[in-house]
Amino acid sequence: MLRVIRYFALGGLLLTLGASCVSKKKYLAIQASNETLHGKLDECNRSLSSCMGDKSVMEARIAELQNKNEHLVDQVA
């Protein structure tokens, strides 16, 4: 029984090592693609931060205008 387990373990190890080989050309292409994607992600995160800041400014402006509108409605009434 122990011998069978050893053979399965050895077979699994060999299969894993044999199946995980990637050519250097493919690896470099994937690595370049990964770097490009990381660059785009950083750019998107900066853009998102800028948009969040703009959103906060706009929300403050809306609150100010709503407050002014309420005062104007009170003055008319």
PDB file of N, CA and C in Angstrom:
ATOM      1  N   MET A   1       0.827  -1.192   0.000  1.00  0.00           N
ATOM      2  CA  MET A   1       0.000   0.000   0.000  1.00  0.00           C
ATOM      3  C   MET A   1       0.867   1.250   0.000  1.00  0.00           C
ATOM      4  N   LEU A   2       1.909   1.247   0.801  1.00  0.00           N
ATOM      5  CA  LEU A   2       2.812   2.383   0.867  1.00  0.00           C
ATOM      6  C   LEU A   2       3.519   2.583  -0.471  1.00  0.00           C
ATOM      7  N   ARG A   3       3.812   1.482  -1.126  1.00  0.00           N
ATOM      8  CA  ARG A   3       4.486   1.550  -2.423  1.00  0.00           C
ATOM      9  C   ARG A   3       3.580   2.235  -3.458  1.00  0.00           C
ATOM     10  N   VAL A   4       2.295   1.951  -3.427  1.00  0.00           N
ATOM     11  CA  VAL A   4       1.340   2.548  -4.363  1.00  0.00           C
ATOM     12  C   VAL A   4       1.244   4.048  -4.128  1.00  0.00           C
ATOM     13  N   ILE A   5       1.211   4.452  -2.876  1.00  0.00           N
ATOM     14  CA  ILE A   5       1.138   5.870  -2.537  1.00  0.00           C
ATOM     15  C   ILE A   5       2.389   6.589  -3.032  1.00  0.00           C
ATOM     16  N   ARG A   6       3.545   5.972  -2.863  1.00  0.00           N
ATOM     17  CA  ARG A   6       4.795   6.572  -3.338  1.00  0.00           C
ATOM     18  C   ARG A   6       4.772   6.736  -4.859  1.00  0.00           C
ATOM     19  N   TYR A   7       4.258   5.730  -5.571  1.00  0.00           N
ATOM     20  CA  TYR A   7       4.206   5.825  -7.034  1.00  0.00           C
ATOM     21  C   TYR A   7       3.258   6.952  -7.471  1.00  0.00           C
ATOM     22  N   PHE A   8       2.118   7.067  -6.809  1.00  0.00           N
ATOM     23  CA  PHE A   8       1.193   8.157  -7.139  1.00  0.00           C
ATOM     24  C   PHE A   8       1.810   9.514  -6.835  1.00  0.00           C
ATOM     25  N   ALA A   9       2.501   9.617  -5.723  1.00  0.00           N
ATOM     26  CA  ALA A   9       3.148  10.881  -5.363  1.00  0.00           C
ATOM     27  C   ALA A   9       4.236  11.226  -6.375  1.00  0.00           C
ATOM     28  N   LEU A  10       5.058  10.262  -6.730  1.00  0.00           N
ATOM     29  CA  LEU A  10       6.121  10.486  -7.697  1.00  0.00           C
ATOM     30  C   LEU A  10       5.530  10.821  -9.071  1.00  0.00           C
ATOM     31  N   GLY A  11       4.509  10.113  -9.459  1.00  0.00           N
ATOM     32  CA  GLY A  11       3.842  10.392 -10.740  1.00  0.00           C
ATOM     33  C   GLY A  11       3.234  11.787 -10.764  1.00  0.00           C
ATOM     34  N   GLY A  12       2.602  12.175  -9.681  1.00  0.00           N
ATOM     35  CA  GLY A  12       2.022  13.524  -9.588  1.00  0.00           C
ATOM     36  C   GLY A  12       3.089  14.592  -9.657  1.00  0.00           C
ATOM     37  N   LEU A  13       4.209  14.363  -9.003  1.00  0.00           N
ATOM     38  CA  LEU A  13       5.311  15.316  -9.018  1.00  0.00           C
ATOM     39  C   LEU A  13       5.880  15.452 -10.429  1.00  0.00           C
ATOM     40  N   LEU A  14       6.105  14.347 -11.095  1.00  0.00           N
ATOM     41  CA  LEU A  14       6.627  14.381 -12.459  1.00  0.00           C
ATOM     42  C   LEU A  14       5.648  15.042 -13.417  1.00  0.00           C
ATOM     43  N   LEU A  15       4.383  14.771 -13.247  1.00  0.00           N
ATOM     44  CA  LEU A  15       3.369  15.384 -14.099  1.00  0.00           C
ATOM     45  C   LEU A  15       3.335  16.890 -13.897  1.00  0.00           C
ATOM     46  N   THR A  16       3.423  17.318 -12.649  1.00  0.00           N
ATOM     47  CA  THR A  16       3.416  18.743 -12.340  1.00  0.00           C
ATOM     48  C   THR A  16       4.635  19.435 -12.927  1.00  0.00           C
ATOM     49  N   LEU A  17       5.797  18.852 -12.758  1.00  0.00           N
ATOM     50  CA  LEU A  17       7.021  19.445 -13.279  1.00  0.00           C
ATOM     51  C   LEU A  17       7.037  19.444 -14.800  1.00  0.00           C
ATOM     52  N   GLY A  18       6.567  18.394 -15.398  1.00  0.00           N
ATOM     53  CA  GLY A  18       6.564  18.294 -16.852  1.00  0.00           C
ATOM     54  C   GLY A  18       5.543  19.199 -17.503  1.00  0.00           C
ATOM     55  N   ALA A  19       4.414  19.390 -16.880  1.00  0.00           N
ATOM     56  CA  ALA A  19       3.335  20.180 -17.472  1.00  0.00           C
ATOM     57  C   ALA A  19       3.502  21.674 -17.222  1.00  0.00           C
ATOM     58  N   SER A  20       4.348  22.067 -16.313  1.00  0.00           N
ATOM     59  CA  SER A  20       4.443  23.472 -15.971  1.00  0.00           C
ATOM     60  C   SER A  20       5.545  24.193 -16.729  1.00  0.00           C
ATOM     61  N   CYS A  21       6.199  23.535 -17.640  1.00  0.00           N
ATOM     62  CA  CYS A  21       7.263  24.179 -18.403  1.00  0.00           C
ATOM     63  C   CYS A  21       6.659  25.113 -19.446  1.00  0.00           C
ATOM     64  N   VAL A  22       7.177  26.341 -19.483  1.00  0.00           N
ATOM     65  CA  VAL A  22       6.741  27.338 -20.441  1.00  0.00           C
ATOM     66  C   VAL A  22       7.985  27.825 -21.165  1.00  0.00           C
ATOM     67  N   SER A  23       7.870  28.009 -22.463  1.00  0.00           N
ATOM     68  CA  SER A  23       9.037  28.476 -23.199  1.00  0.00           C
ATOM     69  C   SER A  23       9.395  29.888 -22.748  1.00  0.00           C
ATOM     70  N   LYS A  24      10.672  30.213 -22.891  1.00  0.00           N
ATOM     71  CA  LYS A  24      11.143  31.536 -22.462  1.00  0.00           C
ATOM     72  C   LYS A  24      10.450  32.634 -23.254  1.00  0.00           C
ATOM     73  N   LYS A  25      10.208  32.392 -24.539  1.00  0.00           N
ATOM     74  CA  LYS A  25       9.543  33.379 -25.397  1.00  0.00           C
ATOM     75  C   LYS A  25       8.134  33.675 -24.877  1.00  0.00           C
ATOM     76  N   LYS A  26       7.387  32.616 -24.542  1.00  0.00           N
ATOM     77  CA  LYS A  26       6.038  32.804 -24.007  1.00  0.00           C
ATOM     78  C   LYS A  26       6.079  33.501 -22.652  1.00  0.00           C
ATOM     79  N   TYR A  27       7.042  33.119 -21.833  1.00  0.00           N
ATOM     80  CA  TYR A  27       7.169  33.721 -20.507  1.00  0.00           C
ATOM     81  C   TYR A  27       7.446  35.214 -20.618  1.00  0.00           C
ATOM     82  N   LEU A  28       8.376  35.596 -21.503  1.00  0.00           N
ATOM     83  CA  LEU A  28       8.706  37.020 -21.683  1.00  0.00           C
ATOM     84  C   LEU A  28       7.515  37.793 -22.233  1.00  0.00           C
ATOM     85  N   ALA A  29       6.752  37.172 -23.137  1.00  0.00           N
ATOM     86  CA  ALA A  29       5.559  37.838 -23.677  1.00  0.00           C
ATOM     87  C   ALA A  29       4.524  38.051 -22.583  1.00  0.00           C
ATOM     88  N   ILE A  30       4.338  37.047 -21.768  1.00  0.00           N
ATOM     89  CA  ILE A  30       3.373  37.171 -20.665  1.00  0.00           C
ATOM     90  C   ILE A  30       3.854  38.207 -19.659  1.00  0.00           C
ATOM     91  N   GLN A  31       5.139  38.222 -19.386  1.00  0.00           N
ATOM     92  CA  GLN A  31       5.693  39.191 -18.436  1.00  0.00           C
ATOM     93  C   GLN A  31       5.526  40.612 -18.969  1.00  0.00           C
ATOM     94  N   ALA A  32       5.774  40.829 -20.267  1.00  0.00           N
ATOM     95  CA  ALA A  32       5.589  42.159 -20.863  1.00  0.00           C
ATOM     96  C   ALA A  32       4.126  42.573 -20.801  1.00  0.00           C
ATOM     97  N   SER A  33       3.238  41.632 -21.074  1.00  0.00           N
ATOM     98  CA  SER A  33       1.808  41.914 -20.994  1.00  0.00           C
ATOM     99  C   SER A  33       1.408  42.272 -19.568  1.00  0.00           C
ATOM    100  N   ASN A  34       1.969  41.553 -18.611  1.00  0.00           N
ATOM    101  CA  ASN A  34       1.688  41.815 -17.200  1.00  0.00           C
ATOM    102  C   ASN A  34       2.148  43.222 -16.809  1.00  0.00           C
ATOM    103  N   GLU A  35       3.340  43.616 -17.258  1.00  0.00           N
ATOM    104  CA  GLU A  35       3.841  44.957 -16.947  1.00  0.00           C
ATOM    105  C   GLU A  35       2.960  46.031 -17.575  1.00  0.00           C
ATOM    106  N   THR A  36       2.511  45.788 -18.808  1.00  0.00           N
ATOM    107  CA  THR A  36       1.610  46.730 -19.474  1.00  0.00           C
ATOM    108  C   THR A  36       0.304  46.856 -18.702  1.00  0.00           C
ATOM    109  N   LEU A  37      -0.226  45.730 -18.274  1.00  0.00           N
ATOM    110  CA  LEU A  37      -1.482  45.762 -17.510  1.00  0.00           C
ATOM    111  C   LEU A  37      -1.313  46.477 -16.180  1.00  0.00           C
ATOM    112  N   HIS A  38      -0.171  46.283 -15.526  1.00  0.00           N
ATOM    113  CA  HIS A  38       0.076  46.989 -14.266  1.00  0.00           C
ATOM    114  C   HIS A  38       0.157  48.491 -14.499  1.00  0.00           C
ATOM    115  N   GLY A  39       0.773  48.894 -15.600  1.00  0.00           N
ATOM    116  CA  GLY A  39       0.827  50.312 -15.946  1.00  0.00           C
ATOM    117  C   GLY A  39      -0.553  50.892 -16.166  1.00  0.00           C
ATOM    118  N   LYS A  40      -1.376  50.150 -16.898  1.00  0.00           N
ATOM    119  CA  LYS A  40      -2.748  50.606 -17.144  1.00  0.00           C
ATOM    120  C   LYS A  40      -3.555  50.650 -15.851  1.00  0.00           C
ATOM    121  N   LEU A  41      -3.331  49.679 -14.973  1.00  0.00           N
ATOM    122  CA  LEU A  41      -4.031  49.668 -13.687  1.00  0.00           C
ATOM    123  C   LEU A  41      -3.640  50.882 -12.850  1.00  0.00           C
ATOM    124  N   ASP A  42      -2.355  51.211 -12.828  1.00  0.00           N
ATOM    125  CA  ASP A  42      -1.904  52.396 -12.088  1.00  0.00           C
ATOM    126  C   ASP A  42      -2.534  53.661 -12.659  1.00  0.00           C
ATOM    127  N   GLU A  43      -2.585  53.747 -13.984  1.00  0.00           N
ATOM    128  CA  GLU A  43      -3.201  54.901 -14.631  1.00  0.00           C
ATOM    129  C   GLU A  43      -4.688  54.999 -14.270  1.00  0.00           C
ATOM    130  N   CYS A  44      -5.376  53.869 -14.276  1.00  0.00           N
ATOM    131  CA  CYS A  44      -6.803  53.850 -13.922  1.00  0.00           C
ATOM    132  C   CYS A  44      -7.015  54.240 -12.454  1.00  0.00           C
ATOM    133  N   ASN A  45      -6.129  53.783 -11.589  1.00  0.00           N
ATOM    134  CA  ASN A  45      -6.252  54.140 -10.172  1.00  0.00           C
ATOM    135  C   ASN A  45      -6.042  55.629  -9.962  1.00  0.00           C
ATOM    136  N   ARG A  46      -5.080  56.225 -10.695  1.00  0.00           N
ATOM    137  CA  ARG A  46      -4.878  57.678 -10.586  1.00  0.00           C
ATOM    138  C   ARG A  46      -6.100  58.425 -11.103  1.00  0.00           C
ATOM    139  N   SER A  47      -6.643  57.959 -12.208  1.00  0.00           N
ATOM    140  CA  SER A  47      -7.833  58.581 -12.776  1.00  0.00           C
ATOM    141  C   SER A  47      -9.018  58.450 -11.829  1.00  0.00           C
ATOM    142  N   LEU A  48      -9.147  57.297 -11.203  1.00  0.00           N
ATOM    143  CA  LEU A  48     -10.227  57.083 -10.240  1.00  0.00           C
ATOM    144  C   LEU A  48     -10.091  58.030  -9.052  1.00  0.00           C
ATOM    145  N   SER A  49      -8.881  58.196  -8.563  1.00  0.00           N
ATOM    146  CA  SER A  49      -8.659  59.110  -7.438  1.00  0.00           C
ATOM    147  C   SER A  49      -9.041  60.539  -7.816  1.00  0.00           C
ATOM    148  N   SER A  50      -8.678  60.932  -9.021  1.00  0.00           N
ATOM    149  CA  SER A  50      -9.038  62.268  -9.497  1.00  0.00           C
ATOM    150  C   SER A  50     -10.551  62.423  -9.594  1.00  0.00           C
ATOM    151  N   CYS A  51     -11.218  61.419 -10.121  1.00  0.00           N
ATOM    152  CA  CYS A  51     -12.677  61.462 -10.240  1.00  0.00           C
ATOM    153  C   CYS A  51     -13.354  61.504  -8.870  1.00  0.00           C
ATOM    154  N   MET A  52     -12.802  60.755  -7.920  1.00  0.00           N
ATOM    155  CA  MET A  52     -13.375  60.762  -6.569  1.00  0.00           C
ATOM    156  C   MET A  52     -13.241  62.157  -5.947  1.00  0.00           C
ATOM    157  N   GLY A  53     -12.112  62.809  -6.183  1.00  0.00           N
ATOM    158  CA  GLY A  53     -11.930  64.174  -5.685  1.00  0.00           C
ATOM    159  C   GLY A  53     -12.918  65.131  -6.329  1.00  0.00           C
ATOM    160  N   ASP A  54     -13.081  65.013  -7.663  1.00  0.00           N
ATOM    161  CA  ASP A  54     -14.052  65.856  -8.373  1.00  0.00           C
ATOM    162  C   ASP A  54     -15.464  65.602  -7.863  1.00  0.00           C
ATOM    163  N   LYS A  55     -15.774  64.359  -7.581  1.00  0.00           N
ATOM    164  CA  LYS A  55     -17.101  64.003  -7.071  1.00  0.00           C
ATOM    165  C   LYS A  55     -17.355  64.671  -5.724  1.00  0.00           C
ATOM    166  N   SER A  56     -16.349  64.647  -4.864  1.00  0.00           N
ATOM    167  CA  SER A  56     -16.503  65.276  -3.547  1.00  0.00           C
ATOM    168  C   SER A  56     -16.756  66.779  -3.683  1.00  0.00           C
ATOM    169  N   VAL A  57     -16.031  67.417  -4.595  1.00  0.00           N
ATOM    170  CA  VAL A  57     -16.223  68.852  -4.828  1.00  0.00           C
ATOM    171  C   VAL A  57     -17.632  69.114  -5.339  1.00  0.00           C
ATOM    172  N   MET A  58     -18.087  68.297  -6.273  1.00  0.00           N
ATOM    173  CA  MET A  58     -19.428  68.476  -6.846  1.00  0.00           C
ATOM    174  C   MET A  58     -20.517  68.227  -5.800  1.00  0.00           C
ATOM    175  N   GLU A  59     -20.324  67.226  -4.954  1.00  0.00           N
ATOM    176  CA  GLU A  59     -21.317  66.960  -3.915  1.00  0.00           C
ATOM    177  C   GLU A  59     -21.395  68.129  -2.930  1.00  0.00           C
ATOM    178  N   ALA A  60     -20.266  68.720  -2.604  1.00  0.00           N
ATOM    179  CA  ALA A  60     -20.269  69.885  -1.716  1.00  0.00           C
ATOM    180  C   ALA A  60     -20.986  71.052  -2.387  1.00  0.00           C
ATOM    181  N   ARG A  61     -20.745  71.229  -3.684  1.00  0.00           N
ATOM    182  CA  ARG A  61     -21.406  72.307  -4.426  1.00  0.00           C
ATOM    183  C   ARG A  61     -22.914  72.077  -4.477  1.00  0.00           C
ATOM    184  N   ILE A  62     -23.338  70.850  -4.684  1.00  0.00           N
ATOM    185  CA  ILE A  62     -24.776  70.529  -4.703  1.00  0.00           C
ATOM    186  C   ILE A  62     -25.408  70.845  -3.353  1.00  0.00           C
ATOM    187  N   ALA A  63     -24.738  70.454  -2.274  1.00  0.00           N
ATOM    188  CA  ALA A  63     -25.273  70.737  -0.937  1.00  0.00           C
ATOM    189  C   ALA A  63     -25.403  72.249  -0.721  1.00  0.00           C
ATOM    190  N   GLU A  64     -24.404  72.993  -1.176  1.00  0.00           N
ATOM    191  CA  GLU A  64     -24.449  74.463  -1.044  1.00  0.00           C
ATOM    192  C   GLU A  64     -25.604  75.046  -1.841  1.00  0.00           C
ATOM    193  N   LEU A  65     -25.792  74.581  -3.066  1.00  0.00           N
ATOM    194  CA  LEU A  65     -26.881  75.095  -3.907  1.00  0.00           C
ATOM    195  C   LEU A  65     -28.249  74.694  -3.359  1.00  0.00           C
ATOM    196  N   GLN A  66     -28.366  73.491  -2.817  1.00  0.00           N
ATOM    197  CA  GLN A  66     -29.631  73.090  -2.212  1.00  0.00           C
ATOM    198  C   GLN A  66     -29.944  73.962  -1.005  1.00  0.00           C
ATOM    199  N   ASN A  67     -28.942  74.284  -0.222  1.00  0.00           N
ATOM    200  CA  ASN A  67     -29.134  75.151   0.932  1.00  0.00           C
ATOM    201  C   ASN A  67     -29.584  76.542   0.487  1.00  0.00           C
ATOM    202  N   LYS A  68     -28.939  77.081  -0.542  1.00  0.00           N
ATOM    203  CA  LYS A  68     -29.340  78.394  -1.065  1.00  0.00           C
ATOM    204  C   LYS A  68     -30.760  78.342  -1.606  1.00  0.00           C
ATOM    205  N   ASN A  69     -31.097  77.250  -2.276  1.00  0.00           N
ATOM    206  CA  ASN A  69     -32.440  77.093  -2.836  1.00  0.00           C
ATOM    207  C   ASN A  69     -33.489  77.076  -1.713  1.00  0.00           C
ATOM    208  N   GLU A  70     -33.203  76.374  -0.634  1.00  0.00           N
ATOM    209  CA  GLU A  70     -34.142  76.335   0.490  1.00  0.00           C
ATOM    210  C   GLU A  70     -34.324  77.743   1.083  1.00  0.00           C
ATOM    211  N   HIS A  71     -33.260  78.505   1.196  1.00  0.00           N
ATOM    212  CA  HIS A  71     -33.369  79.872   1.720  1.00  0.00           C
ATOM    213  C   HIS A  71     -34.188  80.747   0.798  1.00  0.00           C
ATOM    214  N   LEU A  72     -34.010  80.588  -0.508  1.00  0.00           N
ATOM    215  CA  LEU A  72     -34.790  81.369  -1.462  1.00  0.00           C
ATOM    216  C   LEU A  72     -36.275  81.004  -1.402  1.00  0.00           C
ATOM    217  N   VAL A  73     -36.555  79.703  -1.267  1.00  0.00           N
ATOM    218  CA  VAL A  73     -37.954  79.271  -1.160  1.00  0.00           C
ATOM    219  C   VAL A  73     -38.565  79.835   0.119  1.00  0.00           C
ATOM    220  N   ASP A  74     -37.816  79.849   1.218  1.00  0.00           N
ATOM    221  CA  ASP A  74     -38.307  80.423   2.467  1.00  0.00           C
ATOM    222  C   ASP A  74     -38.584  81.908   2.334  1.00  0.00           C
ATOM    223  N   GLN A  75     -37.753  82.626   1.567  1.00  0.00           N
ATOM    224  CA  GLN A  75     -37.942  84.060   1.399  1.00  0.00           C
ATOM    225  C   GLN A  75     -39.196  84.361   0.564  1.00  0.00           C
ATOM    226  N   VAL A  76     -39.485  83.497  -0.420  1.00  0.00           N
ATOM    227  CA  VAL A  76     -40.649  83.705  -1.260  1.00  0.00           C
ATOM    228  C   VAL A  76     -41.928  83.374  -0.514  1.00  0.00           C
ATOM    229  N   ALA A  77     -41.875  82.374   0.325  1.00  0.00           N
ATOM    230  CA  ALA A  77     -43.071  81.906   1.026  1.00  0.00           C
ATOM    231  C   ALA A  77     -43.474  82.805   2.114  1.00  0.00           C
TER     232      ALA A  77
END
